[in-house]
Amino acid sequence: MIRALALALCLPLAAIAETVPEPENYRTDHYRALVPATLQGATVVGPKEAYALWQEGETAFVDVLPRAPKPDNLPEGTIWREKPRHSIPGSIWLPNVGYGDIADVTHAYFRAGLEKATGGNKDKPVLFFCLDECWMSWNAAKRALEYGHSQVYWYPEGTDMWQFEDYPLEEIEPEPGY
């Protein structure tokens, strides 16, 4: 969406993203919206930089796309099929950790997932992503910084641009425990 707007207005993508300021805290609503061009304390990367980090194999990739809950009011006998998540190969999927307000159990799940992804090394590089124009990855990266992770990357274009660039995707499952 933002790319189409930038093209229609003949503006560089960064010019539009720069108009979105970083909030002081977390984004708590309208998660699919224009995102800022920065995240204080993190390194923002585009698709080519993210791909290079992925190829090097030293950075943990964390997908934070939310997972839709199974509706409580489904008629008996209804078959519920989760929507498959095609993500960056080797990523760990920690759904729902990118909301602005999260419960203690979600904090614990997120910390445990980061522990697994980084081998407990808070200095290991970790890259957060979701979809294009999604605040979930911004929130998750900001939270990881607050948890004490020192090398945090944020890839705001997420799997949308990864797929557009024709980089590989694989179906992944959410990390157990949530």
C-alpha atoms as a PDB file:
ATOM      1  CA  MET A   1       0.000   0.000   0.000  1.00  0.00           C
ATOM      2  CA  ILE A   2       2.689   2.523   0.973  1.00  0.00           C
ATOM      3  CA  ARG A   3       4.727   1.562  -2.090  1.00  0.00           C
ATOM      4  CA  ALA A   4       1.749   2.250  -4.356  1.00  0.00           C
ATOM      5  CA  LEU A   5       1.225   5.623  -2.691  1.00  0.00           C
ATOM      6  CA  ALA A   6       4.900   6.516  -3.052  1.00  0.00           C
ATOM      7  CA  LEU A   7       4.879   5.525  -6.718  1.00  0.00           C
ATOM      8  CA  ALA A   8       1.649   7.439  -7.410  1.00  0.00           C
ATOM      9  CA  LEU A   9       3.082  10.566  -5.816  1.00  0.00           C
ATOM     10  CA  CYS A  10       6.525  10.028  -7.381  1.00  0.00           C
ATOM     11  CA  LEU A  11       8.099  10.118  -3.924  1.00  0.00           C
ATOM     12  CA  PRO A  12      10.806   7.935  -2.492  1.00  0.00           C
ATOM     13  CA  LEU A  13       9.394   5.449   0.012  1.00  0.00           C
ATOM     14  CA  ALA A  14      11.636   6.835   2.763  1.00  0.00           C
ATOM     15  CA  ALA A  15      10.110  10.311   2.332  1.00  0.00           C
ATOM     16  CA  ILE A  16       6.691   9.006   3.327  1.00  0.00           C
ATOM     17  CA  ALA A  17       7.973   6.794   6.162  1.00  0.00           C
ATOM     18  CA  GLU A  18       9.892   9.720   7.650  1.00  0.00           C
ATOM     19  CA  THR A  19       6.592  11.518   8.254  1.00  0.00           C
ATOM     20  CA  VAL A  20       5.553   8.850  10.788  1.00  0.00           C
ATOM     21  CA  PRO A  21       7.167   9.666  14.141  1.00  0.00           C
ATOM     22  CA  GLU A  22       8.267   7.004  16.576  1.00  0.00           C
ATOM     23  CA  PRO A  23       5.834   6.860  19.480  1.00  0.00           C
ATOM     24  CA  GLU A  24       7.192   7.163  23.001  1.00  0.00           C
ATOM     25  CA  ASN A  25       5.711   3.816  23.940  1.00  0.00           C
ATOM     26  CA  TYR A  26       4.188   0.980  21.923  1.00  0.00           C
ATOM     27  CA  ARG A  27       1.631   1.215  19.155  1.00  0.00           C
ATOM     28  CA  THR A  28      -1.592  -0.201  20.635  1.00  0.00           C
ATOM     29  CA  ASP A  29      -4.076  -0.026  17.759  1.00  0.00           C
ATOM     30  CA  HIS A  30      -4.319   0.109  13.965  1.00  0.00           C
ATOM     31  CA  TYR A  31      -1.344  -2.201  13.586  1.00  0.00           C
ATOM     32  CA  ARG A  32      -1.520  -2.252   9.770  1.00  0.00           C
ATOM     33  CA  ALA A  33      -0.579   1.346   9.045  1.00  0.00           C
ATOM     34  CA  LEU A  34       2.352   3.449   7.946  1.00  0.00           C
ATOM     35  CA  VAL A  35       5.372   2.786  10.144  1.00  0.00           C
ATOM     36  CA  PRO A  36       8.277   5.072  11.022  1.00  0.00           C
ATOM     37  CA  ALA A  37      11.599   4.857   9.205  1.00  0.00           C
ATOM     38  CA  THR A  38      13.452   4.422  12.493  1.00  0.00           C
ATOM     39  CA  LEU A  39      13.474   2.524  15.759  1.00  0.00           C
ATOM     40  CA  GLN A  40      15.749   4.056  18.354  1.00  0.00           C
ATOM     41  CA  GLY A  41      18.395   1.541  19.437  1.00  0.00           C
ATOM     42  CA  ALA A  42      17.764  -0.828  16.519  1.00  0.00           C
ATOM     43  CA  THR A  43      19.123  -1.053  12.999  1.00  0.00           C
ATOM     44  CA  VAL A  44      16.469  -0.780  10.299  1.00  0.00           C
ATOM     45  CA  VAL A  45      17.157  -2.971   7.266  1.00  0.00           C
ATOM     46  CA  GLY A  46      15.589  -3.352   3.856  1.00  0.00           C
ATOM     47  CA  PRO A  47      15.116  -6.565   1.915  1.00  0.00           C
ATOM     48  CA  LYS A  48      18.652  -6.767   0.523  1.00  0.00           C
ATOM     49  CA  GLU A  49      20.253  -6.240   3.944  1.00  0.00           C
ATOM     50  CA  ALA A  50      17.855  -8.717   5.558  1.00  0.00           C
ATOM     51  CA  TYR A  51      18.660 -11.276   2.869  1.00  0.00           C
ATOM     52  CA  ALA A  52      22.407 -10.781   3.403  1.00  0.00           C
ATOM     53  CA  LEU A  53      21.969 -11.305   7.165  1.00  0.00           C
ATOM     54  CA  TRP A  54      19.910 -14.430   6.462  1.00  0.00           C
ATOM     55  CA  GLN A  55      22.561 -15.805   4.110  1.00  0.00           C
ATOM     56  CA  GLU A  56      25.327 -15.176   6.677  1.00  0.00           C
ATOM     57  CA  GLY A  57      23.392 -17.306   9.159  1.00  0.00           C
ATOM     58  CA  GLU A  58      24.534 -15.475  12.290  1.00  0.00           C
ATOM     59  CA  THR A  59      21.294 -13.569  12.955  1.00  0.00           C
ATOM     60  CA  ALA A  60      18.201 -15.071  14.575  1.00  0.00           C
ATOM     61  CA  PHE A  61      15.063 -14.268  12.550  1.00  0.00           C
ATOM     62  CA  VAL A  62      11.855 -13.788  14.550  1.00  0.00           C
ATOM     63  CA  ASP A  63       8.470 -13.659  12.834  1.00  0.00           C
ATOM     64  CA  VAL A  64       5.841 -11.935  14.987  1.00  0.00           C
ATOM     65  CA  LEU A  65       2.778 -12.200  12.748  1.00  0.00           C
ATOM     66  CA  PRO A  66      -0.285 -12.540  14.995  1.00  0.00           C
ATOM     67  CA  ARG A  67      -2.209 -15.781  14.937  1.00  0.00           C
ATOM     68  CA  ALA A  68      -5.970 -15.660  14.622  1.00  0.00           C
ATOM     69  CA  PRO A  69      -7.677 -17.516  17.470  1.00  0.00           C
ATOM     70  CA  LYS A  70     -10.172 -20.251  16.770  1.00  0.00           C
ATOM     71  CA  PRO A  71     -13.613 -18.665  17.175  1.00  0.00           C
ATOM     72  CA  ASP A  72     -15.455 -19.832  20.305  1.00  0.00           C
ATOM     73  CA  ASN A  73     -18.849 -19.880  18.618  1.00  0.00           C
ATOM     74  CA  LEU A  74     -18.162 -22.306  15.765  1.00  0.00           C
ATOM     75  CA  PRO A  75     -21.003 -24.780  15.275  1.00  0.00           C
ATOM     76  CA  GLU A  76     -20.232 -28.278  16.540  1.00  0.00           C
ATOM     77  CA  GLY A  77     -18.512 -30.370  13.895  1.00  0.00           C
ATOM     78  CA  THR A  78     -17.016 -27.364  12.089  1.00  0.00           C
ATOM     79  CA  ILE A  79     -13.512 -28.074  10.885  1.00  0.00           C
ATOM     80  CA  TRP A  80     -11.063 -25.317  11.820  1.00  0.00           C
ATOM     81  CA  ARG A  81      -7.990 -25.018   9.657  1.00  0.00           C
ATOM     82  CA  GLU A  82      -5.233 -22.649  10.637  1.00  0.00           C
ATOM     83  CA  LYS A  83      -4.052 -20.395   7.851  1.00  0.00           C
ATOM     84  CA  PRO A  84      -0.545 -21.537   6.910  1.00  0.00           C
ATOM     85  CA  ARG A  85       2.303 -19.096   7.527  1.00  0.00           C
ATOM     86  CA  HIS A  86       4.920 -18.904   4.800  1.00  0.00           C
ATOM     87  CA  SER A  87       7.914 -17.197   6.285  1.00  0.00           C
ATOM     88  CA  ILE A  88      11.648 -16.725   6.007  1.00  0.00           C
ATOM     89  CA  PRO A  89      13.342 -20.148   6.271  1.00  0.00           C
ATOM     90  CA  GLY A  90      14.824 -20.880   9.672  1.00  0.00           C
ATOM     91  CA  SER A  91      12.720 -18.239  11.438  1.00  0.00           C
ATOM     92  CA  ILE A  92      11.075 -18.788  14.768  1.00  0.00           C
ATOM     93  CA  TRP A  93       7.411 -17.720  14.824  1.00  0.00           C
ATOM     94  CA  LEU A  94       6.307 -16.027  18.025  1.00  0.00           C
ATOM     95  CA  PRO A  95       2.736 -14.936  17.302  1.00  0.00           C
ATOM     96  CA  ASN A  96       1.015 -12.182  19.254  1.00  0.00           C
ATOM     97  CA  VAL A  97       4.135 -10.789  20.940  1.00  0.00           C
ATOM     98  CA  GLY A  98       3.952  -7.607  18.860  1.00  0.00           C
ATOM     99  CA  TYR A  99       0.806  -6.174  20.362  1.00  0.00           C
ATOM    100  CA  GLY A 100       1.275  -2.919  22.249  1.00  0.00           C
ATOM    101  CA  ASP A 101      -0.098  -4.272  25.506  1.00  0.00           C
ATOM    102  CA  ILE A 102       0.734  -7.868  26.328  1.00  0.00           C
ATOM    103  CA  ALA A 103      -0.053 -10.028  29.339  1.00  0.00           C
ATOM    104  CA  ASP A 104       2.598 -11.433  31.674  1.00  0.00           C
ATOM    105  CA  VAL A 105       2.164 -14.861  30.085  1.00  0.00           C
ATOM    106  CA  THR A 106       2.922 -13.333  26.673  1.00  0.00           C
ATOM    107  CA  HIS A 107       6.020 -11.592  28.037  1.00  0.00           C
ATOM    108  CA  ALA A 108       7.189 -14.965  29.393  1.00  0.00           C
ATOM    109  CA  TYR A 109       6.460 -16.659  26.046  1.00  0.00           C
ATOM    110  CA  PHE A 110       8.346 -13.921  24.182  1.00  0.00           C
ATOM    111  CA  ARG A 111      11.359 -14.102  26.501  1.00  0.00           C
ATOM    112  CA  ALA A 112      11.454 -17.905  26.221  1.00  0.00           C
ATOM    113  CA  GLY A 113      11.246 -17.675  22.432  1.00  0.00           C
ATOM    114  CA  LEU A 114      14.072 -15.152  22.317  1.00  0.00           C
ATOM    115  CA  GLU A 115      16.109 -17.366  24.643  1.00  0.00           C
ATOM    116  CA  LYS A 116      15.635 -20.249  22.210  1.00  0.00           C
ATOM    117  CA  ALA A 117      16.343 -18.140  19.105  1.00  0.00           C
ATOM    118  CA  THR A 118      19.526 -16.616  20.516  1.00  0.00           C
ATOM    119  CA  GLY A 119      20.783 -19.512  22.621  1.00  0.00           C
ATOM    120  CA  GLY A 120      20.446 -17.234  25.642  1.00  0.00           C
ATOM    121  CA  ASN A 121      22.992 -14.770  24.243  1.00  0.00           C
ATOM    122  CA  LYS A 122      21.497 -11.263  24.378  1.00  0.00           C
ATOM    123  CA  ASP A 123      24.395 -10.037  22.212  1.00  0.00           C
ATOM    124  CA  LYS A 124      23.448 -12.371  19.339  1.00  0.00           C
ATOM    125  CA  PRO A 125      21.917 -10.412  16.464  1.00  0.00           C
ATOM    126  CA  VAL A 126      18.151 -10.815  16.176  1.00  0.00           C
ATOM    127  CA  LEU A 127      15.920  -9.548  13.363  1.00  0.00           C
ATOM    128  CA  PHE A 128      12.182  -8.907  13.773  1.00  0.00           C
ATOM    129  CA  PHE A 129       9.654  -8.904  10.966  1.00  0.00           C
ATOM    130  CA  CYS A 130       5.991  -9.421  10.178  1.00  0.00           C
ATOM    131  CA  LEU A 131       4.234  -8.020   7.097  1.00  0.00           C
ATOM    132  CA  ASP A 132       4.747  -4.746   5.268  1.00  0.00           C
ATOM    133  CA  GLU A 133       3.321  -1.740   7.117  1.00  0.00           C
ATOM    134  CA  CYS A 134       2.804  -3.688  10.327  1.00  0.00           C
ATOM    135  CA  TRP A 135       3.576  -2.274  13.734  1.00  0.00           C
ATOM    136  CA  MET A 136       3.834  -5.736  15.312  1.00  0.00           C
ATOM    137  CA  SER A 137       7.489  -6.078  14.342  1.00  0.00           C
ATOM    138  CA  TRP A 138       8.284  -2.523  15.474  1.00  0.00           C
ATOM    139  CA  ASN A 139       6.707  -3.212  18.874  1.00  0.00           C
ATOM    140  CA  ALA A 140       8.483  -6.579  19.211  1.00  0.00           C
ATOM    141  CA  ALA A 141      11.886  -5.135  18.292  1.00  0.00           C
ATOM    142  CA  LYS A 142      11.388  -2.275  20.772  1.00  0.00           C
ATOM    143  CA  ARG A 143      10.429  -4.783  23.457  1.00  0.00           C
ATOM    144  CA  ALA A 144      13.515  -6.920  22.741  1.00  0.00           C
ATOM    145  CA  LEU A 145      15.678  -3.834  23.254  1.00  0.00           C
ATOM    146  CA  GLU A 146      13.971  -3.277  26.605  1.00  0.00           C
ATOM    147  CA  TYR A 147      14.651  -6.931  27.480  1.00  0.00           C
ATOM    148  CA  GLY A 148      18.360  -6.162  27.039  1.00  0.00           C
ATOM    149  CA  HIS A 149      19.101  -7.467  23.545  1.00  0.00           C
ATOM    150  CA  SER A 150      21.944  -5.421  22.116  1.00  0.00           C
ATOM    151  CA  GLN A 151      21.938  -6.192  18.364  1.00  0.00           C
ATOM    152  CA  VAL A 152      18.361  -5.731  17.208  1.00  0.00           C
ATOM    153  CA  TYR A 153      17.396  -5.440  13.564  1.00  0.00           C
ATOM    154  CA  TRP A 154      13.980  -4.380  12.336  1.00  0.00           C
ATOM    155  CA  TYR A 155      12.829  -5.368   8.853  1.00  0.00           C
ATOM    156  CA  PRO A 156       9.633  -3.314   8.322  1.00  0.00           C
ATOM    157  CA  GLU A 157       8.727  -4.701   4.873  1.00  0.00           C
ATOM    158  CA  GLY A 158       8.557  -8.245   6.238  1.00  0.00           C
ATOM    159  CA  THR A 159       7.549 -11.278   4.246  1.00  0.00           C
ATOM    160  CA  ASP A 160       5.580  -9.196   1.740  1.00  0.00           C
ATOM    161  CA  MET A 161       8.748  -7.660   0.293  1.00  0.00           C
ATOM    162  CA  TRP A 162      10.761 -10.846   0.915  1.00  0.00           C
ATOM    163  CA  GLN A 163       8.345 -12.689  -1.364  1.00  0.00           C
ATOM    164  CA  PHE A 164       8.310  -9.811  -3.872  1.00  0.00           C
ATOM    165  CA  GLU A 165      12.103 -10.071  -4.116  1.00  0.00           C
ATOM    166  CA  ASP A 166      11.613 -13.796  -4.864  1.00  0.00           C
ATOM    167  CA  TYR A 167      13.600 -14.870  -1.812  1.00  0.00           C
ATOM    168  CA  PRO A 168      12.744 -18.316  -0.450  1.00  0.00           C
ATOM    169  CA  LEU A 169       9.836 -18.923   1.889  1.00  0.00           C
ATOM    170  CA  GLU A 170       8.828 -21.996   3.858  1.00  0.00           C
ATOM    171  CA  GLU A 171       5.788 -22.942   5.882  1.00  0.00           C
ATOM    172  CA  ILE A 172       6.479 -22.621   9.591  1.00  0.00           C
ATOM    173  CA  GLU A 173       4.556 -23.413  12.751  1.00  0.00           C
ATOM    174  CA  PRO A 174       4.251 -21.157  15.789  1.00  0.00           C
ATOM    175  CA  GLU A 175       6.622 -21.818  18.644  1.00  0.00           C
ATOM    176  CA  PRO A 176       4.772 -24.020  21.156  1.00  0.00           C
ATOM    177  CA  GLY A 177       3.705 -22.641  24.477  1.00  0.00           C
ATOM    178  CA  TYR A 178       1.230 -19.938  23.637  1.00  0.00           C
END
